[in-house]
Amino acid sequence: MSEPKRYKVGKIGTTEMIDCVSYADYARLKAEVERLNNESDILQKCCEHQKNRIERLKAEVERLTKQNALATPRHLIASQDIKTLREQIEELKLENSQYEEHHKYGQNVITSLREEVERLTAFTTRTIIPNEELQADVKALRVELADAQESNHILNETIARLMKGAKR
C-alpha cells in the first residue's frame, strides 16, 4: 500500500503547522484497517482450531499408549512392537511440534496485524481532527476573500467615477 501524501498546513493566526492527509487517503486507510481486522479474526480462529487439534492428538496418543499397555501383557510384547510404537510416538511428537510452530506463526501474524491496525487507527484518529479544523479555516478564508473582492470592486468603481468627474 502506498504511503498517504501528507500536507503541512498552517493554522490561521498562528505559526503552528499541522500534519494532514486528504479525505481520499483517510478513506483508503480506514478500509485497510477494516480489512486487517477481518484477517486478524480469521487467523485467530485458525490458530484456535489448530491448538484444539493439537490437544486432541496429544490425548489420543496418551489414550492409545495406555490402551496398548493394558491390552497386551508386557512379557508378550515383542521388541519390534515397542520400536514401532516409539516410532509412532516420535512421529506424533514431530507432527505436534509442527502444529505448535504453525500456532506460534499464526500468533505472530495476528500480533503484527493487530499492531498495524493500532498504528493505522492511531494515524487516522490523529488526522481527522486537523482536517475538520482545516475545513473551518478554508470556509473562513473564503468569506474573507469574498469580502476583499467586493471591497476591491467598490474601490475600482469609486476610482472610475472620480476619474470621470475629474475629466469634466
Foldseek 3Di string as FASTA:
>chain_A
DDDFDWDWDAQPPDRDTAIAGDPVVLVVLVVVLVVLVVVLVVLVVVLVVLVVVLVVLVVVLVVVVVVVPVVDPPVPDDPVNVVVNVVVVVVNVVVSVVSVVSSVVSVVSSVVSVVVSVVSVVVSVRHPVVVVSVVVVVVVVVVVVVVVVVVVVVVVVVVVVVVVVVVD
